[in-house]
Amino acid sequence: NEVKTLTMNQQMKMIDGTFTSQSEKSSSTVDATNESIVDRTIHQILPFHPKVTPSTTASTTTSTSTTASIQVVISPQTEFLFRVNGTSILAQTTTLLRLSSSTYATATTIFHRFYHRCSLKEYDVWSVSMSCVFLACKIGEEVRRMSEIILVFVHVYRRMRLALDYDYDCNSYNENVDDNKKKPNKEFKTASCSILEKNDKLTQEERQNILRYIRPLPRAGPVYKEWEEELMTMEHVILRELGFSLYWIPESHPHVFLLYFMKVLELVGDDDNTKNENSTEKQNDDCSNREKGQHKIEGKNEKANNDNDKQKDIAQVAWNYCNDSCRLDLCVRYRPELIACAAIYLSCLDMNEILPCNPRPWWYIFIGPNHDEDLSIVCNALLALEDLNCVTGFYDAMKKYVVSLVDGGSFNDPGSYIWNALD
């Protein structure tokens, strides 16, 4: 028991005590300071230093330590909120279009890489997101017509203006949260349609009815044409900014490495092998001890099924963490192998699975040494997505329409032709 306890502690504690285990977090009582489950000192805004990505080498890595938006005096918190808003739009649209997780990850990668080169004051989130989905469908060879993509984006546009699925109770901040987190962000503004401005007490069912009885957008009308022009124009801009080189993106997702890593760690088994072993045991049973042997086989089958269920749960949780990583610009700052290791680490903590840490941590096999701090930062960044108090406006960025920072407003901002036409 002492040996197991030491092993568990070694695995649960991250390097230099960056964050504690999930069990310690759940069992700890809330004190007067009401500390969050996440270490706020590092998780909110990732450190702004260049990282070697799959498309760059040591000789071509840029020396700049900030993104294009920060260079034009946009705060890191504001950029974080707009990235969350854009990836939320991508998550909703790719789900409605029934696209795969790989296509969603490709779209988010294009989105994050584009906004590392261009600022939020140059291009709005909606046109960039729409073009990212269009390009991701081409790269992933999942055929979707342009009209389908536009109509889905218009539908999501209407939903976010109506603030559907917005839970006002979830947006209540704790009184004991740090005062720096309560300060309003002047750059970040949300907007809603005129119906909500007149009556903001509409229930979710009433808002659903409003959306349900809206007429479909005619494809020959001027509103559809403007959405189409924005998509085609932004597609060319993204291709020029990223050098027309996007073919490598689907092969650099953390999802690609996740299953291989878990097989090496024996976290994912082969169901066929289990079935073969069970069938062989059944054939070798003695007739004289049939009842006794049958009970043993049933016990082994039940244990094997429980192990398989736990392995599937670990794999599913790790896959979900990889999907969560797409909401942040981790794909630009860190290698996909490191993100996959972080997803495995967190999923094992959630499922109380012990991985070897002696004579050296298990992730050294996949990413090598000297990456403990990076792994810690990625883990805390993923955990931060579960904390609605991490940045002021985080929940609003996921559920509401966010006014762009483009000078003069974007093509669908409040006051524009599209905004008034769809109001």
Protein backbone atom coordinates (compact mmCIF):
# COMPACT_ATOMS: atom_id res chain seq x y z
CA ASN A 1 0.00 0.00 0.00
CA GLU A 2 2.85 2.40 0.75
CA VAL A 3 4.44 1.71 -2.62
CA LYS A 4 1.13 2.36 -4.40
CA THR A 5 0.66 5.60 -2.50
CA LEU A 6 4.08 6.87 -3.48
CA THR A 7 3.50 5.99 -7.10
CA MET A 8 0.13 7.72 -7.12
CA ASN A 9 1.59 10.85 -5.55
CA GLN A 10 4.40 10.94 -8.07
CA GLN A 11 1.93 10.75 -10.91
CA MET A 12 -0.66 13.08 -9.47
CA LYS A 13 1.74 15.91 -8.67
CA MET A 14 2.91 17.85 -11.69
CA ILE A 15 6.37 19.33 -12.03
CA ASP A 16 7.16 21.83 -9.23
CA GLY A 17 3.62 21.37 -7.91
CA THR A 18 1.99 23.24 -10.77
CA PHE A 19 -1.39 21.74 -10.00
CA THR A 20 -2.67 19.08 -7.66
CA SER A 21 -4.56 15.90 -8.44
CA GLN A 22 -8.22 15.77 -9.33
CA SER A 23 -9.03 13.84 -6.16
CA GLU A 24 -7.33 16.48 -4.02
CA LYS A 25 -9.26 19.18 -5.83
CA SER A 26 -12.61 17.49 -5.32
CA SER A 27 -11.98 16.63 -1.66
CA SER A 28 -10.56 20.01 -0.67
CA THR A 29 -12.95 22.32 1.12
CA VAL A 30 -13.62 25.85 -0.02
CA ASP A 31 -11.80 28.29 2.21
CA ALA A 32 -12.16 32.03 2.60
CA THR A 33 -10.15 32.72 -0.56
CA ASN A 34 -12.29 30.29 -2.64
CA GLU A 35 -9.38 29.16 -4.77
CA SER A 36 -10.15 27.86 -8.25
CA ILE A 37 -9.36 24.34 -9.38
CA VAL A 38 -6.81 25.85 -11.76
CA ASP A 39 -3.57 27.65 -11.07
CA ARG A 40 -4.50 31.13 -12.27
CA THR A 41 -0.90 32.29 -12.49
CA ILE A 42 -0.21 30.44 -15.73
CA HIS A 43 -3.37 29.07 -17.30
CA GLN A 44 -5.22 32.11 -18.57
CA ILE A 45 -2.89 33.57 -21.16
CA LEU A 46 -0.21 31.31 -22.54
CA PRO A 47 3.34 32.69 -22.39
CA PHE A 48 4.18 34.70 -25.45
CA HIS A 49 7.38 33.16 -26.67
CA PRO A 50 7.99 31.47 -30.04
CA LYS A 51 7.72 27.71 -30.32
CA VAL A 52 8.94 25.45 -33.11
CA THR A 53 5.84 24.17 -34.90
CA PRO A 54 5.50 21.39 -37.48
CA SER A 55 5.73 23.94 -40.29
CA THR A 56 8.81 25.74 -38.97
CA THR A 57 12.37 24.87 -38.15
CA ALA A 58 14.94 26.38 -35.84
CA SER A 59 16.28 28.51 -38.66
CA THR A 60 12.91 29.84 -39.74
CA THR A 61 11.37 30.47 -36.32
CA THR A 62 10.33 34.09 -36.01
CA SER A 63 11.96 36.23 -33.37
CA THR A 64 8.75 38.08 -32.52
CA SER A 65 7.26 37.19 -29.17
CA THR A 66 3.72 38.44 -29.76
CA THR A 67 0.85 37.86 -32.14
CA ALA A 68 -0.33 40.38 -34.71
CA SER A 69 -3.26 41.46 -32.52
CA ILE A 70 -1.04 42.20 -29.53
CA GLN A 71 1.30 44.24 -31.72
CA VAL A 72 -1.60 46.58 -32.53
CA VAL A 73 -2.33 47.08 -28.82
CA ILE A 74 -5.05 44.48 -28.30
CA SER A 75 -4.84 42.97 -24.82
CA PRO A 76 -4.06 39.25 -24.51
CA GLN A 77 -7.33 38.73 -22.62
CA THR A 78 -9.31 40.25 -25.48
CA GLU A 79 -7.53 38.13 -28.06
CA PHE A 80 -8.21 35.06 -25.94
CA LEU A 81 -11.94 35.86 -25.84
CA PHE A 82 -12.15 36.38 -29.59
CA ARG A 83 -10.35 33.09 -30.20
CA VAL A 84 -12.85 31.35 -27.92
CA ASN A 85 -15.70 33.04 -29.77
CA GLY A 86 -14.36 31.96 -33.16
CA THR A 87 -13.78 28.36 -32.14
CA SER A 88 -17.27 28.23 -30.60
CA ILE A 89 -18.68 29.28 -33.95
CA LEU A 90 -16.59 26.61 -35.65
CA ALA A 91 -17.75 23.96 -33.19
CA GLN A 92 -21.42 24.75 -33.79
CA THR A 93 -21.18 24.93 -37.57
CA THR A 94 -19.09 21.78 -38.01
CA THR A 95 -21.56 19.90 -35.80
CA LEU A 96 -24.53 21.07 -37.86
CA LEU A 97 -22.68 20.20 -41.08
CA ARG A 98 -21.90 16.75 -39.62
CA LEU A 99 -18.19 17.09 -40.21
CA SER A 100 -15.60 14.87 -38.55
CA SER A 101 -13.40 15.83 -35.61
CA SER A 102 -10.43 15.97 -37.96
CA THR A 103 -12.12 18.59 -40.14
CA TYR A 104 -13.05 20.62 -37.06
CA ALA A 105 -9.44 20.45 -35.83
CA THR A 106 -8.22 21.50 -39.28
CA ALA A 107 -10.57 24.48 -39.33
CA THR A 108 -9.46 25.63 -35.88
CA THR A 109 -5.78 25.22 -36.80
CA ILE A 110 -6.24 27.43 -39.86
CA PHE A 111 -8.13 29.92 -37.70
CA HIS A 112 -5.42 30.16 -35.04
CA ARG A 113 -2.53 30.29 -37.50
CA PHE A 114 -4.23 33.02 -39.50
CA TYR A 115 -4.75 35.23 -36.43
CA HIS A 116 -1.13 34.78 -35.46
CA ARG A 117 -0.24 36.57 -38.71
CA CYS A 118 -3.17 39.00 -38.97
CA SER A 119 -4.83 41.07 -36.27
CA LEU A 120 -8.43 41.20 -35.17
CA LYS A 121 -8.61 44.81 -36.31
CA GLU A 122 -8.02 43.74 -39.91
CA TYR A 123 -10.41 40.82 -40.34
CA ASP A 124 -13.54 39.83 -38.45
CA VAL A 125 -14.08 36.46 -36.83
CA TRP A 126 -17.19 35.45 -38.80
CA SER A 127 -15.74 35.73 -42.30
CA VAL A 128 -12.53 34.02 -41.20
CA SER A 129 -14.42 31.18 -39.49
CA MET A 130 -16.63 30.64 -42.51
CA SER A 131 -13.64 30.45 -44.85
CA CYS A 132 -11.78 28.14 -42.46
CA VAL A 133 -14.64 25.62 -42.59
CA PHE A 134 -14.76 25.90 -46.38
CA LEU A 135 -11.02 25.24 -46.67
CA ALA A 136 -11.10 22.46 -44.07
CA CYS A 137 -13.77 20.63 -46.08
CA LYS A 138 -11.54 20.79 -49.13
CA ILE A 139 -8.47 19.60 -47.25
CA GLY A 140 -10.31 16.78 -45.50
CA GLU A 141 -12.15 15.84 -48.70
CA GLU A 142 -15.54 16.13 -47.03
CA VAL A 143 -17.71 17.62 -49.72
CA ARG A 144 -20.00 20.41 -48.59
CA ARG A 145 -21.52 22.90 -50.99
CA MET A 146 -20.85 26.58 -50.43
CA SER A 147 -24.57 27.19 -50.05
CA GLU A 148 -24.77 24.64 -47.22
CA ILE A 149 -21.94 26.31 -45.33
CA ILE A 150 -23.42 29.79 -45.75
CA LEU A 151 -26.90 28.75 -44.62
CA VAL A 152 -25.49 26.99 -41.55
CA PHE A 153 -23.44 30.06 -40.61
CA VAL A 154 -26.52 32.26 -41.01
CA HIS A 155 -28.41 29.91 -38.71
CA VAL A 156 -25.66 30.04 -36.06
CA TYR A 157 -25.49 33.82 -36.54
CA ARG A 158 -29.18 34.06 -35.66
CA ARG A 159 -28.78 31.72 -32.70
CA MET A 160 -25.97 33.74 -31.16
CA ARG A 161 -27.87 36.97 -31.66
CA LEU A 162 -30.78 35.43 -29.77
CA ALA A 163 -28.36 34.08 -27.12
CA LEU A 164 -29.87 30.61 -27.35
CA ASP A 165 -28.62 28.06 -24.80
CA TYR A 166 -27.30 30.93 -22.69
CA ASP A 167 -27.63 30.16 -19.00
CA TYR A 168 -27.59 33.39 -17.03
CA ASP A 169 -26.89 31.50 -13.81
CA CYS A 170 -23.62 30.19 -15.24
CA ASN A 171 -22.37 33.72 -15.79
CA SER A 172 -22.52 34.65 -12.10
CA TYR A 173 -19.03 35.21 -10.74
CA ASN A 174 -17.95 34.29 -7.26
CA GLU A 175 -17.59 37.19 -4.89
CA ASN A 176 -14.20 35.95 -3.74
CA VAL A 177 -12.67 35.92 -7.22
CA ASP A 178 -9.67 38.17 -7.69
CA ASP A 179 -10.68 41.76 -8.41
CA ASN A 180 -8.47 41.78 -11.50
CA LYS A 181 -10.77 39.17 -13.04
CA LYS A 182 -13.87 41.29 -12.38
CA LYS A 183 -12.69 44.34 -14.29
CA PRO A 184 -14.83 44.90 -17.39
CA ASN A 185 -13.14 44.60 -20.75
CA LYS A 186 -13.81 47.72 -22.79
CA GLU A 187 -12.63 46.07 -26.02
CA PHE A 188 -14.97 43.11 -25.65
CA LYS A 189 -18.64 43.87 -26.39
CA THR A 190 -21.63 41.66 -27.08
CA ALA A 191 -24.80 42.47 -29.00
CA SER A 192 -28.25 40.97 -29.43
CA CYS A 193 -31.16 41.41 -31.80
CA SER A 194 -33.80 44.10 -31.31
CA ILE A 195 -36.30 41.58 -29.87
CA LEU A 196 -34.06 40.88 -26.88
CA GLU A 197 -33.32 44.56 -26.42
CA LYS A 198 -37.03 45.21 -26.02
CA ASN A 199 -37.72 42.13 -23.90
CA ASP A 200 -34.68 40.43 -22.40
CA LYS A 201 -36.79 38.14 -20.21
CA LEU A 202 -37.79 35.77 -23.02
CA THR A 203 -37.46 32.12 -22.11
CA GLN A 204 -35.36 29.68 -24.10
CA GLU A 205 -38.50 28.08 -25.52
CA GLU A 206 -39.79 31.45 -26.75
CA ARG A 207 -36.44 32.18 -28.37
CA GLN A 208 -36.52 28.77 -30.02
CA ASN A 209 -39.96 29.56 -31.42
CA ILE A 210 -38.69 32.86 -32.84
CA LEU A 211 -35.89 31.05 -34.62
CA ARG A 212 -38.18 28.24 -35.74
CA TYR A 213 -40.57 30.52 -37.62
CA ILE A 214 -37.96 32.62 -39.40
CA ARG A 215 -38.11 32.17 -43.14
CA PRO A 216 -35.11 30.52 -44.82
CA LEU A 217 -32.60 32.83 -46.40
CA PRO A 218 -33.26 33.08 -50.17
CA ARG A 219 -30.16 32.16 -52.17
CA ALA A 220 -30.86 34.73 -54.85
CA GLY A 221 -31.22 37.62 -52.42
CA PRO A 222 -28.67 40.34 -51.62
CA VAL A 223 -28.03 39.06 -48.09
CA TYR A 224 -26.94 35.65 -49.33
CA LYS A 225 -24.77 37.27 -52.00
CA GLU A 226 -22.94 39.34 -49.41
CA TRP A 227 -22.21 36.28 -47.28
CA GLU A 228 -20.96 34.50 -50.39
CA GLU A 229 -18.67 37.37 -51.37
CA GLU A 230 -17.20 37.50 -47.86
CA LEU A 231 -16.48 33.79 -47.94
CA MET A 232 -14.73 33.86 -51.32
CA THR A 233 -12.74 37.00 -50.53
CA MET A 234 -11.55 35.73 -47.17
CA GLU A 235 -10.64 32.36 -48.61
CA HIS A 236 -8.14 34.03 -50.91
CA VAL A 237 -6.77 36.16 -48.06
CA ILE A 238 -6.19 33.11 -45.83
CA LEU A 239 -4.49 31.18 -48.62
CA ARG A 240 -2.14 34.08 -49.34
CA GLU A 241 -1.29 34.64 -45.69
CA LEU A 242 -0.56 30.95 -45.06
CA GLY A 243 1.40 30.53 -48.29
CA PHE A 244 -1.07 28.14 -49.97
CA SER A 245 0.43 25.37 -47.83
CA LEU A 246 -2.29 23.63 -45.85
CA TYR A 247 -1.93 19.99 -46.89
CA TRP A 248 0.13 19.08 -43.80
CA ILE A 249 -2.44 20.24 -41.22
CA PRO A 250 -4.57 17.03 -40.93
CA GLU A 251 -1.43 15.01 -40.20
CA SER A 252 -0.34 17.28 -37.33
CA HIS A 253 -3.39 17.07 -35.06
CA PRO A 254 -2.87 15.68 -31.55
CA HIS A 255 -5.69 13.22 -32.32
CA VAL A 256 -3.37 11.48 -34.79
CA PHE A 257 -0.81 10.63 -32.10
CA LEU A 258 -3.28 9.94 -29.31
CA LEU A 259 -4.21 6.35 -30.18
CA TYR A 260 -0.62 5.29 -30.88
CA PHE A 261 0.59 6.70 -27.57
CA MET A 262 -2.20 5.00 -25.66
CA LYS A 263 -1.43 1.66 -27.30
CA VAL A 264 2.21 1.96 -26.25
CA LEU A 265 1.07 2.72 -22.69
CA GLU A 266 -1.36 -0.23 -22.88
CA LEU A 267 -4.29 2.08 -22.18
CA VAL A 268 -6.10 0.80 -25.27
CA GLY A 269 -6.48 -2.94 -25.81
CA ASP A 270 -7.53 -5.11 -28.70
CA ASP A 271 -11.08 -6.36 -28.34
CA ASP A 272 -10.47 -9.10 -30.88
CA ASN A 273 -7.62 -10.56 -28.84
CA THR A 274 -9.82 -10.62 -25.75
CA LYS A 275 -12.53 -12.45 -27.63
CA ASN A 276 -10.05 -14.98 -28.97
CA GLU A 277 -8.66 -15.66 -25.51
CA ASN A 278 -12.14 -16.19 -24.10
CA SER A 279 -13.11 -18.59 -26.89
CA THR A 280 -9.91 -20.60 -26.41
CA GLU A 281 -10.56 -20.91 -22.70
CA LYS A 282 -14.08 -22.16 -23.36
CA GLN A 283 -12.86 -24.90 -25.69
CA ASN A 284 -10.22 -26.14 -23.21
CA ASP A 285 -12.67 -26.54 -20.30
CA ASP A 286 -12.93 -29.98 -18.76
CA CYS A 287 -16.33 -31.61 -18.99
CA SER A 288 -16.09 -32.87 -15.43
CA ASN A 289 -15.47 -29.37 -14.09
CA ARG A 290 -17.77 -27.60 -16.51
CA GLU A 291 -19.73 -25.66 -13.91
CA LYS A 292 -16.62 -24.58 -12.04
CA GLY A 293 -14.81 -23.65 -15.21
CA GLN A 294 -17.83 -21.81 -16.53
CA HIS A 295 -17.91 -19.63 -13.41
CA LYS A 296 -14.22 -18.85 -13.86
CA ILE A 297 -14.74 -17.90 -17.49
CA GLU A 298 -17.67 -15.68 -16.64
CA GLY A 299 -15.56 -13.96 -13.98
CA LYS A 300 -12.73 -13.43 -16.45
CA ASN A 301 -15.15 -12.18 -19.11
CA GLU A 302 -16.70 -9.75 -16.65
CA LYS A 303 -13.28 -8.49 -15.61
CA ALA A 304 -12.19 -8.16 -19.24
CA ASN A 305 -15.36 -6.27 -20.08
CA ASN A 306 -14.81 -3.91 -17.15
CA ASP A 307 -11.22 -3.31 -18.27
CA ASN A 308 -12.37 -2.65 -21.83
CA ASP A 309 -15.01 -0.21 -20.61
CA LYS A 310 -12.43 1.64 -18.53
CA GLN A 311 -10.03 1.75 -21.48
CA LYS A 312 -12.75 3.15 -23.69
CA ASP A 313 -13.58 5.76 -21.08
CA ILE A 314 -9.94 6.83 -20.81
CA ALA A 315 -9.65 7.04 -24.58
CA GLN A 316 -12.87 9.07 -24.83
CA VAL A 317 -11.81 11.52 -22.12
CA ALA A 318 -8.40 11.96 -23.77
CA TRP A 319 -10.11 12.54 -27.12
CA ASN A 320 -12.33 15.18 -25.52
CA TYR A 321 -9.28 16.96 -24.12
CA CYS A 322 -7.78 16.99 -27.62
CA ASN A 323 -10.99 18.57 -28.90
CA ASP A 324 -10.78 21.15 -26.11
CA SER A 325 -7.23 22.01 -27.16
CA CYS A 326 -8.63 23.24 -30.48
CA ARG A 327 -10.28 26.16 -28.67
CA LEU A 328 -6.86 27.56 -27.78
CA ASP A 329 -3.89 28.37 -29.99
CA LEU A 330 -1.90 25.45 -28.58
CA CYS A 331 -1.53 24.04 -32.08
CA VAL A 332 0.63 27.05 -32.99
CA ARG A 333 2.71 27.17 -29.82
CA TYR A 334 3.37 23.50 -29.07
CA ARG A 335 3.98 20.27 -30.90
CA PRO A 336 0.97 17.96 -31.34
CA GLU A 337 2.83 15.15 -29.55
CA LEU A 338 3.03 17.29 -26.41
CA ILE A 339 -0.67 18.15 -26.57
CA ALA A 340 -1.52 14.46 -26.95
CA CYS A 341 0.59 13.65 -23.87
CA ALA A 342 -1.22 16.36 -21.91
CA ALA A 343 -4.58 14.88 -22.93
CA ILE A 344 -3.48 11.40 -21.82
CA TYR A 345 -2.13 12.77 -18.53
CA LEU A 346 -5.38 14.55 -17.67
CA SER A 347 -7.58 11.64 -18.73
CA CYS A 348 -5.60 9.27 -16.50
CA LEU A 349 -6.02 11.67 -13.59
CA ASP A 350 -9.77 11.78 -14.20
CA MET A 351 -10.03 7.97 -14.38
CA ASN A 352 -7.55 7.30 -11.53
CA GLU A 353 -5.24 5.37 -13.85
CA ILE A 354 -1.62 5.09 -12.69
CA LEU A 355 1.12 5.48 -15.29
CA PRO A 356 4.81 4.76 -14.68
CA CYS A 357 6.98 7.64 -13.50
CA ASN A 358 10.11 5.66 -12.49
CA PRO A 359 12.90 5.65 -13.44
CA ARG A 360 11.66 8.56 -15.58
CA PRO A 361 8.21 9.97 -16.46
CA TRP A 362 6.33 8.11 -19.20
CA TRP A 363 6.03 11.15 -21.47
CA TYR A 364 9.82 11.18 -21.99
CA ILE A 365 9.30 8.31 -24.42
CA PHE A 366 7.20 10.45 -26.75
CA ILE A 367 8.47 14.03 -26.37
CA GLY A 368 11.83 13.62 -24.66
CA PRO A 369 13.12 15.42 -21.56
CA ASN A 370 13.10 19.14 -20.79
CA HIS A 371 9.40 19.54 -21.67
CA ASP A 372 7.92 19.28 -18.17
CA GLU A 373 7.12 22.96 -17.93
CA ASP A 374 5.46 23.01 -21.35
CA LEU A 375 3.38 19.97 -20.44
CA SER A 376 2.31 21.67 -17.23
CA ILE A 377 1.26 24.82 -19.07
CA VAL A 378 -0.78 22.87 -21.62
CA CYS A 379 -2.52 20.88 -18.88
CA ASN A 380 -3.46 24.03 -16.98
CA ALA A 381 -4.64 25.72 -20.17
CA LEU A 382 -7.01 22.80 -20.85
CA LEU A 383 -8.26 22.78 -17.27
CA ALA A 384 -8.92 26.51 -17.49
CA LEU A 385 -11.64 25.90 -20.07
CA GLU A 386 -13.73 24.35 -17.29
CA ASP A 387 -13.48 27.52 -15.20
CA LEU A 388 -15.99 30.17 -16.27
CA ASN A 389 -14.24 32.70 -14.03
CA CYS A 390 -10.88 32.45 -15.76
CA VAL A 391 -11.40 35.63 -17.83
CA THR A 392 -14.23 38.14 -17.66
CA GLY A 393 -16.59 37.48 -20.56
CA PHE A 394 -15.48 33.89 -21.18
CA TYR A 395 -19.01 32.46 -21.10
CA ASP A 396 -20.38 35.35 -23.17
CA ALA A 397 -17.77 34.68 -25.83
CA MET A 398 -19.02 31.11 -26.20
CA LYS A 399 -22.76 31.83 -26.31
CA LYS A 400 -23.36 35.39 -27.53
CA TYR A 401 -22.61 37.49 -30.58
CA VAL A 402 -19.39 39.44 -30.10
CA VAL A 403 -18.90 42.77 -31.86
CA SER A 404 -15.77 42.75 -34.00
CA LEU A 405 -12.78 45.04 -33.58
CA VAL A 406 -12.54 45.88 -37.28
CA ASP A 407 -12.38 49.60 -37.92
CA GLY A 408 -15.80 50.70 -39.17
CA GLY A 409 -17.38 47.37 -38.21
CA SER A 410 -17.58 44.07 -40.06
CA PHE A 411 -20.08 43.04 -42.70
CA ASN A 412 -22.52 41.62 -40.09
CA ASP A 413 -21.94 43.89 -37.08
CA PRO A 414 -24.79 45.89 -35.50
CA GLY A 415 -25.84 48.66 -37.85
CA SER A 416 -24.74 46.81 -40.98
CA TYR A 417 -27.07 45.85 -43.81
CA ILE A 418 -27.02 42.16 -42.86
CA TRP A 419 -27.72 42.91 -39.20
CA ASN A 420 -30.76 45.04 -40.05
CA ALA A 421 -31.97 42.68 -42.77
CA LEU A 422 -31.92 39.65 -40.45
CA ASP A 423 -33.23 41.54 -37.42
